Amino acid sequence: MNDQTGSPSKFVDAPDGRVHYQSWGEGPAMFLIHGGGPGAYGYSNYRKNIAPLSKRNRVIVLDLPGYGQSTKREQPEGLTTALANAVRDIMDQEGIEKARLVGNSLGGMTALRFALDTPDRAEKLVLMGPGGGQAMFTPMPTEGLHRMFNFYEGEGPTIEKLSAVIDLLVYDRSAITQELLEERFRICTLPETMANPPLRGLRGHPRDALWQQGVENITCPVLIIWGREDRVVPLDSGFILQKLIPNADMHVYSKCGHWAQWERADEFNALVDNFLNG
């Protein structure tokens, strides 16, 4: 039992890599899928959301492959395919036929890829600042993405470099404690992560340009959430997703960066719970 999270660790020992996950509550299955920044892992990214959302849902939080306690996977069919397969591995082990997927950034891309590959198993999607769209006005990659991609390069990880990444994840830095920064630094410098950083060697793959992969065929209800001041995945990259996905609504928070689930947690939890269970 993990004293910090209050939920025992579980693992799927799949052929292409081990996946760590935890669960809370009872009800319809909901996956919370974290983003790709250094030090990210399931519980840390959603610690403000798990308790409220688990009142009416069975909340499952995983560490994406290459993050936390999950091993990195090969990506012959693109990054998002490897990550979506990890979600499916958990569902198969737990006997979950259909689930709601809530994903931030890289987690949003994972949710989209899952819905494209297995539409019959995706009940509803919540996408917060997801990758996979197409920026209409903002030069790409953004400074936030540059800092993420270069985190393990050069002199390697430092807490100063991590702090610089965090600066661009949020609109208001005051809620980021030194304890959180040190926790993420400990996670991103684990020996197995240092030996094989999750985003190192990332190459553009056609399957990861999700807006070109048939998102117009996604028929389940979709809620897109964005922070207006997002400096990692800019707001204008969401417009094409909102236009193409038939049943997609979009909610934009002012004075909010890339972590809507963190910076606007109370409003986010109510909005998502109403969308999923209303």
C-alpha atoms as a PDB file:
ATOM      1  CA  MET A   1       0.000   0.000   0.000  1.00  0.00           C
ATOM      2  CA  ASN A   2       1.310   3.442  -0.934  1.00  0.00           C
ATOM      3  CA  ASP A   3       0.762   5.720   2.070  1.00  0.00           C
ATOM      4  CA  GLN A   4       0.824   8.830  -0.095  1.00  0.00           C
ATOM      5  CA  THR A   5      -1.890   7.786  -2.499  1.00  0.00           C
ATOM      6  CA  GLY A   6      -4.021   5.466  -0.390  1.00  0.00           C
ATOM      7  CA  SER A   7      -4.276   2.921  -3.201  1.00  0.00           C
ATOM      8  CA  PRO A   8      -2.201  -0.207  -3.794  1.00  0.00           C
ATOM      9  CA  SER A   9      -0.004  -0.419  -6.859  1.00  0.00           C
ATOM     10  CA  LYS A  10      -1.000  -2.830  -9.609  1.00  0.00           C
ATOM     11  CA  PHE A  11       0.933  -3.890 -12.696  1.00  0.00           C
ATOM     12  CA  VAL A  12       0.224  -5.349 -16.104  1.00  0.00           C
ATOM     13  CA  ASP A  13       3.135  -7.465 -17.272  1.00  0.00           C
ATOM     14  CA  ALA A  14       2.442  -7.150 -20.995  1.00  0.00           C
ATOM     15  CA  PRO A  15       4.849  -8.534 -23.633  1.00  0.00           C
ATOM     16  CA  ASP A  16       5.874  -5.045 -24.791  1.00  0.00           C
ATOM     17  CA  GLY A  17       6.357  -3.537 -21.334  1.00  0.00           C
ATOM     18  CA  ARG A  18       5.193  -3.396 -17.727  1.00  0.00           C
ATOM     19  CA  VAL A  19       2.516  -0.823 -16.828  1.00  0.00           C
ATOM     20  CA  HIS A  20       1.836   0.538 -13.338  1.00  0.00           C
ATOM     21  CA  TYR A  21      -1.632   1.722 -12.292  1.00  0.00           C
ATOM     22  CA  GLN A  22      -3.868   2.407  -9.276  1.00  0.00           C
ATOM     23  CA  SER A  23      -7.626   2.740  -8.795  1.00  0.00           C
ATOM     24  CA  TRP A  24     -10.100   4.497  -6.515  1.00  0.00           C
ATOM     25  CA  GLY A  25     -13.882   4.398  -6.102  1.00  0.00           C
ATOM     26  CA  GLU A  26     -16.642   2.447  -7.784  1.00  0.00           C
ATOM     27  CA  GLY A  27     -18.842   3.031 -10.814  1.00  0.00           C
ATOM     28  CA  PRO A  28     -18.189   3.514 -14.520  1.00  0.00           C
ATOM     29  CA  ALA A  29     -14.501   3.129 -15.367  1.00  0.00           C
ATOM     30  CA  MET A  30     -12.622   6.393 -15.944  1.00  0.00           C
ATOM     31  CA  PHE A  31      -8.949   6.606 -16.879  1.00  0.00           C
ATOM     32  CA  LEU A  32      -6.918   9.687 -15.950  1.00  0.00           C
ATOM     33  CA  ILE A  33      -3.963   9.865 -18.344  1.00  0.00           C
ATOM     34  CA  HIS A  34      -1.104  12.250 -17.544  1.00  0.00           C
ATOM     35  CA  GLY A  35       1.047  14.399 -19.821  1.00  0.00           C
ATOM     36  CA  GLY A  36       4.616  14.010 -20.998  1.00  0.00           C
ATOM     37  CA  GLY A  37       6.640  16.515 -18.977  1.00  0.00           C
ATOM     38  CA  PRO A  38       9.693  15.425 -16.971  1.00  0.00           C
ATOM     39  CA  GLY A  39       8.746  13.868 -13.658  1.00  0.00           C
ATOM     40  CA  ALA A  40       5.142  13.300 -14.683  1.00  0.00           C
ATOM     41  CA  TYR A  41       3.334  10.228 -13.413  1.00  0.00           C
ATOM     42  CA  GLY A  42      -0.270   9.331 -12.811  1.00  0.00           C
ATOM     43  CA  TYR A  43      -0.951  10.190  -9.194  1.00  0.00           C
ATOM     44  CA  SER A  44       1.141  13.356  -9.140  1.00  0.00           C
ATOM     45  CA  ASN A  45      -0.603  14.957 -12.111  1.00  0.00           C
ATOM     46  CA  TYR A  46      -4.116  14.170 -10.843  1.00  0.00           C
ATOM     47  CA  ARG A  47      -3.772  14.423  -7.066  1.00  0.00           C
ATOM     48  CA  LYS A  48      -6.338  17.292  -7.000  1.00  0.00           C
ATOM     49  CA  ASN A  49      -8.885  15.365  -9.060  1.00  0.00           C
ATOM     50  CA  ILE A  50      -8.891  11.748  -7.894  1.00  0.00           C
ATOM     51  CA  ALA A  51     -10.969  12.122  -4.718  1.00  0.00           C
ATOM     52  CA  PRO A  52     -13.743  14.306  -6.228  1.00  0.00           C
ATOM     53  CA  LEU A  53     -14.023  12.259  -9.421  1.00  0.00           C
ATOM     54  CA  SER A  54     -13.998   8.905  -7.610  1.00  0.00           C
ATOM     55  CA  LYS A  55     -17.246   9.715  -5.788  1.00  0.00           C
ATOM     56  CA  ARG A  56     -19.288   8.548  -8.787  1.00  0.00           C
ATOM     57  CA  ASN A  57     -16.673   6.777 -10.901  1.00  0.00           C
ATOM     58  CA  ARG A  58     -14.077   4.070 -10.710  1.00  0.00           C
ATOM     59  CA  VAL A  59     -10.993   6.192 -11.318  1.00  0.00           C
ATOM     60  CA  ILE A  60      -7.951   4.416 -12.759  1.00  0.00           C
ATOM     61  CA  VAL A  61      -4.669   6.305 -12.926  1.00  0.00           C
ATOM     62  CA  LEU A  62      -1.715   4.867 -14.823  1.00  0.00           C
ATOM     63  CA  ASP A  63       1.907   5.764 -15.374  1.00  0.00           C
ATOM     64  CA  LEU A  64       2.355   6.000 -19.127  1.00  0.00           C
ATOM     65  CA  PRO A  65       5.159   3.831 -20.567  1.00  0.00           C
ATOM     66  CA  GLY A  66       8.500   5.457 -19.777  1.00  0.00           C
ATOM     67  CA  TYR A  67       7.110   7.393 -16.803  1.00  0.00           C
ATOM     68  CA  GLY A  68       6.890   6.605 -13.097  1.00  0.00           C
ATOM     69  CA  GLN A  69       6.948   2.850 -12.545  1.00  0.00           C
ATOM     70  CA  SER A  70       6.076   1.864 -16.137  1.00  0.00           C
ATOM     71  CA  THR A  71       8.737   0.707 -18.561  1.00  0.00           C
ATOM     72  CA  LYS A  72       9.312   2.493 -21.861  1.00  0.00           C
ATOM     73  CA  ARG A  73       7.916   0.726 -24.940  1.00  0.00           C
ATOM     74  CA  GLU A  74       9.135   0.460 -28.502  1.00  0.00           C
ATOM     75  CA  GLN A  75       7.202   2.699 -30.906  1.00  0.00           C
ATOM     76  CA  PRO A  76       7.179   1.069 -34.380  1.00  0.00           C
ATOM     77  CA  GLU A  77       3.670   2.438 -35.045  1.00  0.00           C
ATOM     78  CA  GLY A  78       4.210   5.805 -33.381  1.00  0.00           C
ATOM     79  CA  LEU A  79       4.314   7.079 -29.830  1.00  0.00           C
ATOM     80  CA  THR A  80       0.569   7.342 -29.319  1.00  0.00           C
ATOM     81  CA  THR A  81      -0.084   3.771 -30.476  1.00  0.00           C
ATOM     82  CA  ALA A  82       2.338   2.405 -27.881  1.00  0.00           C
ATOM     83  CA  LEU A  83       0.673   4.487 -25.140  1.00  0.00           C
ATOM     84  CA  ALA A  84      -2.906   3.642 -26.145  1.00  0.00           C
ATOM     85  CA  ASN A  85      -1.985  -0.034 -26.115  1.00  0.00           C
ATOM     86  CA  ALA A  86      -0.939   0.351 -22.474  1.00  0.00           C
ATOM     87  CA  VAL A  87      -4.419   1.642 -21.582  1.00  0.00           C
ATOM     88  CA  ARG A  88      -5.962  -1.292 -23.410  1.00  0.00           C
ATOM     89  CA  ASP A  89      -3.672  -3.718 -21.545  1.00  0.00           C
ATOM     90  CA  ILE A  90      -5.055  -2.457 -18.219  1.00  0.00           C
ATOM     91  CA  MET A  91      -8.636  -2.681 -19.461  1.00  0.00           C
ATOM     92  CA  ASP A  92      -8.103  -6.254 -20.599  1.00  0.00           C
ATOM     93  CA  GLN A  93      -6.532  -7.263 -17.290  1.00  0.00           C
ATOM     94  CA  GLU A  94      -9.338  -5.636 -15.288  1.00  0.00           C
ATOM     95  CA  GLY A  95     -12.131  -6.954 -17.528  1.00  0.00           C
ATOM     96  CA  ILE A  96     -13.250  -3.445 -18.530  1.00  0.00           C
ATOM     97  CA  GLU A  97     -15.068  -3.474 -21.845  1.00  0.00           C
ATOM     98  CA  LYS A  98     -15.681   0.271 -22.203  1.00  0.00           C
ATOM     99  CA  ALA A  99     -14.223   3.316 -20.438  1.00  0.00           C
ATOM    100  CA  ARG A 100     -14.214   7.096 -20.235  1.00  0.00           C
ATOM    101  CA  LEU A 101     -10.770   8.546 -20.968  1.00  0.00           C
ATOM    102  CA  VAL A 102      -9.543  11.833 -19.495  1.00  0.00           C
ATOM    103  CA  GLY A 103      -6.172  12.931 -20.842  1.00  0.00           C
ATOM    104  CA  ASN A 104      -3.901  15.957 -20.508  1.00  0.00           C
ATOM    105  CA  SER A 105      -1.416  16.854 -23.283  1.00  0.00           C
ATOM    106  CA  LEU A 106       0.314  13.575 -24.218  1.00  0.00           C
ATOM    107  CA  GLY A 107      -2.474  11.844 -22.291  1.00  0.00           C
ATOM    108  CA  GLY A 108      -5.024  13.577 -24.511  1.00  0.00           C
ATOM    109  CA  MET A 109      -3.198  12.269 -27.558  1.00  0.00           C
ATOM    110  CA  THR A 110      -3.290   8.810 -25.990  1.00  0.00           C
ATOM    111  CA  ALA A 111      -7.058   9.065 -25.470  1.00  0.00           C
ATOM    112  CA  LEU A 112      -7.590  10.183 -29.076  1.00  0.00           C
ATOM    113  CA  ARG A 113      -5.440   7.353 -30.440  1.00  0.00           C
ATOM    114  CA  PHE A 114      -7.359   4.861 -28.290  1.00  0.00           C
ATOM    115  CA  ALA A 115     -10.695   6.125 -29.633  1.00  0.00           C
ATOM    116  CA  LEU A 116      -9.411   5.951 -33.224  1.00  0.00           C
ATOM    117  CA  ASP A 117      -8.074   2.404 -32.846  1.00  0.00           C
ATOM    118  CA  THR A 118     -10.842   0.903 -30.674  1.00  0.00           C
ATOM    119  CA  PRO A 119     -13.933   3.145 -31.025  1.00  0.00           C
ATOM    120  CA  ASP A 120     -16.219   0.530 -29.511  1.00  0.00           C
ATOM    121  CA  ARG A 121     -14.295   0.713 -26.211  1.00  0.00           C
ATOM    122  CA  ALA A 122     -14.233   4.522 -25.818  1.00  0.00           C
ATOM    123  CA  GLU A 123     -17.420   5.766 -24.142  1.00  0.00           C
ATOM    124  CA  LYS A 124     -16.515   9.453 -23.697  1.00  0.00           C
ATOM    125  CA  LEU A 125     -13.349  11.550 -24.007  1.00  0.00           C
ATOM    126  CA  VAL A 126     -12.118  14.574 -22.053  1.00  0.00           C
ATOM    127  CA  LEU A 127      -9.082  16.165 -23.703  1.00  0.00           C
ATOM    128  CA  MET A 128      -7.138  18.902 -21.867  1.00  0.00           C
ATOM    129  CA  GLY A 129      -4.665  20.754 -24.049  1.00  0.00           C
ATOM    130  CA  PRO A 130      -4.072  17.604 -26.109  1.00  0.00           C
ATOM    131  CA  GLY A 131      -1.360  17.217 -28.700  1.00  0.00           C
ATOM    132  CA  GLY A 132      -2.245  15.805 -32.070  1.00  0.00           C
ATOM    133  CA  GLY A 133      -3.994  18.870 -33.461  1.00  0.00           C
ATOM    134  CA  GLN A 134      -2.602  21.535 -35.774  1.00  0.00           C
ATOM    135  CA  ALA A 135      -1.637  25.008 -34.572  1.00  0.00           C
ATOM    136  CA  MET A 136      -3.274  27.598 -36.808  1.00  0.00           C
ATOM    137  CA  PHE A 137      -1.470  30.752 -35.653  1.00  0.00           C
ATOM    138  CA  THR A 138       1.308  29.783 -33.219  1.00  0.00           C
ATOM    139  CA  PRO A 139       4.815  28.834 -34.430  1.00  0.00           C
ATOM    140  CA  MET A 140       5.658  25.272 -33.447  1.00  0.00           C
ATOM    141  CA  PRO A 141       7.244  23.756 -31.487  1.00  0.00           C
ATOM    142  CA  THR A 142       6.515  26.110 -28.606  1.00  0.00           C
ATOM    143  CA  GLU A 143       9.077  27.121 -26.013  1.00  0.00           C
ATOM    144  CA  GLY A 144       7.375  24.769 -23.562  1.00  0.00           C
ATOM    145  CA  LEU A 145       7.886  21.811 -25.895  1.00  0.00           C
ATOM    146  CA  HIS A 146      11.497  22.861 -26.542  1.00  0.00           C
ATOM    147  CA  ARG A 147      12.220  22.780 -22.808  1.00  0.00           C
ATOM    148  CA  MET A 148      10.610  19.336 -22.442  1.00  0.00           C
ATOM    149  CA  PHE A 149      12.453  17.817 -25.399  1.00  0.00           C
ATOM    150  CA  ASN A 150      15.820  19.213 -24.250  1.00  0.00           C
ATOM    151  CA  PHE A 151      15.453  18.354 -20.572  1.00  0.00           C
ATOM    152  CA  TYR A 152      17.679  15.261 -20.671  1.00  0.00           C
ATOM    153  CA  GLU A 153      20.150  16.693 -23.179  1.00  0.00           C
ATOM    154  CA  GLY A 154      23.330  18.727 -22.636  1.00  0.00           C
ATOM    155  CA  GLU A 155      24.364  18.615 -18.994  1.00  0.00           C
ATOM    156  CA  GLY A 156      21.366  16.406 -18.250  1.00  0.00           C
ATOM    157  CA  PRO A 157      18.527  16.990 -15.781  1.00  0.00           C
ATOM    158  CA  THR A 158      18.867  19.694 -13.159  1.00  0.00           C
ATOM    159  CA  ILE A 159      16.261  21.033 -10.787  1.00  0.00           C
ATOM    160  CA  GLU A 160      16.753  24.443 -12.435  1.00  0.00           C
ATOM    161  CA  LYS A 161      15.825  22.982 -15.845  1.00  0.00           C
ATOM    162  CA  LEU A 162      12.807  21.283 -14.295  1.00  0.00           C
ATOM    163  CA  SER A 163      11.732  24.562 -12.715  1.00  0.00           C
ATOM    164  CA  ALA A 164      12.007  26.221 -16.135  1.00  0.00           C
ATOM    165  CA  VAL A 165       9.686  23.569 -17.598  1.00  0.00           C
ATOM    166  CA  ILE A 166       7.172  24.050 -14.786  1.00  0.00           C
ATOM    167  CA  ASP A 167       7.245  27.815 -15.408  1.00  0.00           C
ATOM    168  CA  LEU A 168       5.628  27.220 -18.797  1.00  0.00           C
ATOM    169  CA  LEU A 169       3.137  24.600 -17.608  1.00  0.00           C
ATOM    170  CA  VAL A 170       1.148  26.943 -15.390  1.00  0.00           C
ATOM    171  CA  TYR A 171      -0.177  30.495 -15.558  1.00  0.00           C
ATOM    172  CA  ASP A 172       0.384  31.189 -11.851  1.00  0.00           C
ATOM    173  CA  ARG A 173       3.564  29.684 -10.410  1.00  0.00           C
ATOM    174  CA  SER A 174       2.569  30.393  -6.782  1.00  0.00           C
ATOM    175  CA  ALA A 175       0.748  27.061  -6.401  1.00  0.00           C
ATOM    176  CA  ILE A 176       3.888  25.061  -7.266  1.00  0.00           C
ATOM    177  CA  THR A 177       5.602  24.095  -4.025  1.00  0.00           C
ATOM    178  CA  GLN A 178       9.249  23.212  -3.562  1.00  0.00           C
ATOM    179  CA  GLU A 179       8.058  19.808  -2.359  1.00  0.00           C
ATOM    180  CA  LEU A 180       6.290  19.158  -5.670  1.00  0.00           C
ATOM    181  CA  LEU A 181       9.339  20.285  -7.626  1.00  0.00           C
ATOM    182  CA  GLU A 182      11.624  17.980  -5.636  1.00  0.00           C
ATOM    183  CA  GLU A 183       9.186  15.063  -6.010  1.00  0.00           C
ATOM    184  CA  ARG A 184       9.092  15.444  -9.790  1.00  0.00           C
ATOM    185  CA  PHE A 185      12.883  15.753  -9.922  1.00  0.00           C
ATOM    186  CA  ARG A 186      13.242  12.521  -7.965  1.00  0.00           C
ATOM    187  CA  ILE A 187      10.891  10.734 -10.366  1.00  0.00           C
ATOM    188  CA  CYS A 188      12.481  12.065 -13.559  1.00  0.00           C
ATOM    189  CA  THR A 189      15.964  11.048 -12.401  1.00  0.00           C
ATOM    190  CA  LEU A 190      15.161   7.451 -11.450  1.00  0.00           C
ATOM    191  CA  PRO A 191      17.941   5.207 -12.828  1.00  0.00           C
ATOM    192  CA  GLU A 192      15.685   3.401 -15.314  1.00  0.00           C
ATOM    193  CA  THR A 193      14.304   6.727 -16.581  1.00  0.00           C
ATOM    194  CA  MET A 194      17.777   8.244 -16.931  1.00  0.00           C
ATOM    195  CA  ALA A 195      18.892   5.186 -18.904  1.00  0.00           C
ATOM    196  CA  ASN A 196      16.006   5.565 -21.367  1.00  0.00           C
ATOM    197  CA  PRO A 197      14.277   8.987 -21.171  1.00  0.00           C
ATOM    198  CA  PRO A 198      10.658   8.776 -22.360  1.00  0.00           C
ATOM    199  CA  LEU A 199      10.766  11.386 -25.158  1.00  0.00           C
ATOM    200  CA  ARG A 200      14.367  10.854 -26.280  1.00  0.00           C
ATOM    201  CA  GLY A 201      14.678   9.734 -29.881  1.00  0.00           C
ATOM    202  CA  LEU A 202      11.125  10.803 -30.631  1.00  0.00           C
ATOM    203  CA  ARG A 203      10.561  10.968 -34.378  1.00  0.00           C
ATOM    204  CA  GLY A 204       7.577  12.321 -36.200  1.00  0.00           C
ATOM    205  CA  HIS A 205       5.260   9.464 -37.159  1.00  0.00           C
ATOM    206  CA  PRO A 206       2.213   9.901 -39.425  1.00  0.00           C
ATOM    207  CA  ARG A 207      -0.026   8.156 -36.894  1.00  0.00           C
ATOM    208  CA  ASP A 208       0.778  10.840 -34.308  1.00  0.00           C
ATOM    209  CA  ALA A 209      -0.641  13.653 -36.475  1.00  0.00           C
ATOM    210  CA  LEU A 210      -4.009  12.694 -35.077  1.00  0.00           C
ATOM    211  CA  TRP A 211      -6.080  15.378 -36.757  1.00  0.00           C
ATOM    212  CA  GLN A 212      -5.241  13.646 -40.048  1.00  0.00           C
ATOM    213  CA  GLN A 213      -6.097  10.179 -38.771  1.00  0.00           C
ATOM    214  CA  GLY A 214      -9.869  10.263 -39.094  1.00  0.00           C
ATOM    215  CA  VAL A 215     -10.938  12.124 -35.954  1.00  0.00           C
ATOM    216  CA  GLU A 216     -14.073  13.119 -37.885  1.00  0.00           C
ATOM    217  CA  ASN A 217     -15.151   9.483 -37.424  1.00  0.00           C
ATOM    218  CA  ILE A 218     -15.055   9.628 -33.612  1.00  0.00           C
ATOM    219  CA  THR A 219     -18.726   9.444 -32.642  1.00  0.00           C
ATOM    220  CA  CYS A 220     -18.560   9.352 -28.836  1.00  0.00           C
ATOM    221  CA  PRO A 221     -19.119  12.599 -26.876  1.00  0.00           C
ATOM    222  CA  VAL A 222     -15.924  14.638 -26.492  1.00  0.00           C
ATOM    223  CA  LEU A 223     -15.164  17.540 -24.152  1.00  0.00           C
ATOM    224  CA  ILE A 224     -12.103  19.626 -25.066  1.00  0.00           C
ATOM    225  CA  ILE A 225     -10.681  21.777 -22.264  1.00  0.00           C
ATOM    226  CA  TRP A 226      -7.957  24.393 -22.697  1.00  0.00           C
ATOM    227  CA  GLY A 227      -6.171  27.059 -20.716  1.00  0.00           C
ATOM    228  CA  ARG A 228      -6.155  30.282 -22.717  1.00  0.00           C
ATOM    229  CA  GLU A 229      -2.559  30.990 -21.677  1.00  0.00           C
ATOM    230  CA  ASP A 230      -1.247  27.512 -22.533  1.00  0.00           C
ATOM    231  CA  ARG A 231       2.430  27.919 -23.559  1.00  0.00           C
ATOM    232  CA  VAL A 232       3.045  24.238 -24.299  1.00  0.00           C
ATOM    233  CA  VAL A 233       0.205  23.238 -26.629  1.00  0.00           C
ATOM    234  CA  PRO A 234      -1.414  26.508 -27.745  1.00  0.00           C
ATOM    235  CA  LEU A 235      -5.151  27.073 -27.718  1.00  0.00           C
ATOM    236  CA  ASP A 236      -5.328  27.541 -31.492  1.00  0.00           C
ATOM    237  CA  SER A 237      -4.219  23.939 -32.055  1.00  0.00           C
ATOM    238  CA  GLY A 238      -7.514  22.834 -30.529  1.00  0.00           C
ATOM    239  CA  PHE A 239      -9.757  24.606 -33.016  1.00  0.00           C
ATOM    240  CA  ILE A 240      -9.263  22.048 -35.769  1.00  0.00           C
ATOM    241  CA  LEU A 241     -10.051  19.170 -33.385  1.00  0.00           C
ATOM    242  CA  GLN A 242     -13.190  20.919 -32.192  1.00  0.00           C
ATOM    243  CA  LYS A 243     -14.263  21.523 -35.793  1.00  0.00           C
ATOM    244  CA  LEU A 244     -13.554  18.003 -37.056  1.00  0.00           C
ATOM    245  CA  ILE A 245     -14.878  15.837 -34.190  1.00  0.00           C
ATOM    246  CA  PRO A 246     -18.667  15.723 -34.625  1.00  0.00           C
ATOM    247  CA  ASN A 247     -19.695  15.612 -30.954  1.00  0.00           C
ATOM    248  CA  ALA A 248     -16.956  17.817 -29.500  1.00  0.00           C
ATOM    249  CA  ASP A 249     -17.657  20.781 -27.231  1.00  0.00           C
ATOM    250  CA  MET A 250     -14.885  23.087 -26.041  1.00  0.00           C
ATOM    251  CA  HIS A 251     -14.388  24.912 -22.744  1.00  0.00           C
ATOM    252  CA  VAL A 252     -11.643  27.541 -22.342  1.00  0.00           C
ATOM    253  CA  TYR A 253     -10.399  28.792 -18.964  1.00  0.00           C
ATOM    254  CA  SER A 254      -8.952  32.297 -18.678  1.00  0.00           C
ATOM    255  CA  LYS A 255      -5.728  32.876 -16.719  1.00  0.00           C
ATOM    256  CA  CYS A 256      -4.883  29.198 -17.035  1.00  0.00           C
ATOM    257  CA  GLY A 257      -1.941  27.376 -18.580  1.00  0.00           C
ATOM    258  CA  HIS A 258      -1.343  23.776 -19.652  1.00  0.00           C
ATOM    259  CA  TRP A 259      -2.520  22.217 -16.366  1.00  0.00           C
ATOM    260  CA  ALA A 260      -6.238  23.005 -16.292  1.00  0.00           C
ATOM    261  CA  GLN A 261      -6.869  20.042 -13.966  1.00  0.00           C
ATOM    262  CA  TRP A 262      -4.424  21.589 -11.476  1.00  0.00           C
ATOM    263  CA  GLU A 263      -4.929  25.345 -11.810  1.00  0.00           C
ATOM    264  CA  ARG A 264      -8.732  25.246 -12.020  1.00  0.00           C
ATOM    265  CA  ALA A 265      -9.210  21.994 -10.123  1.00  0.00           C
ATOM    266  CA  ASP A 266     -12.606  22.640  -8.475  1.00  0.00           C
ATOM    267  CA  GLU A 267     -14.210  23.929 -11.653  1.00  0.00           C
ATOM    268  CA  PHE A 268     -12.536  21.221 -13.699  1.00  0.00           C
ATOM    269  CA  ASN A 269     -13.761  18.428 -11.410  1.00  0.00           C
ATOM    270  CA  ALA A 270     -17.349  19.690 -11.515  1.00  0.00           C
ATOM    271  CA  LEU A 271     -17.290  20.186 -15.288  1.00  0.00           C
ATOM    272  CA  VAL A 272     -15.843  16.747 -16.002  1.00  0.00           C
ATOM    273  CA  ASP A 273     -18.082  14.928 -13.541  1.00  0.00           C
ATOM    274  CA  ASN A 274     -21.176  16.577 -15.016  1.00  0.00           C
ATOM    275  CA  PHE A 275     -20.033  15.741 -18.570  1.00  0.00           C
ATOM    276  CA  LEU A 276     -19.368  12.110 -17.723  1.00  0.00           C
ATOM    277  CA  ASN A 277     -22.313  11.457 -15.416  1.00  0.00           C
ATOM    278  CA  GLY A 278     -24.826  14.216 -16.077  1.00  0.00           C
END
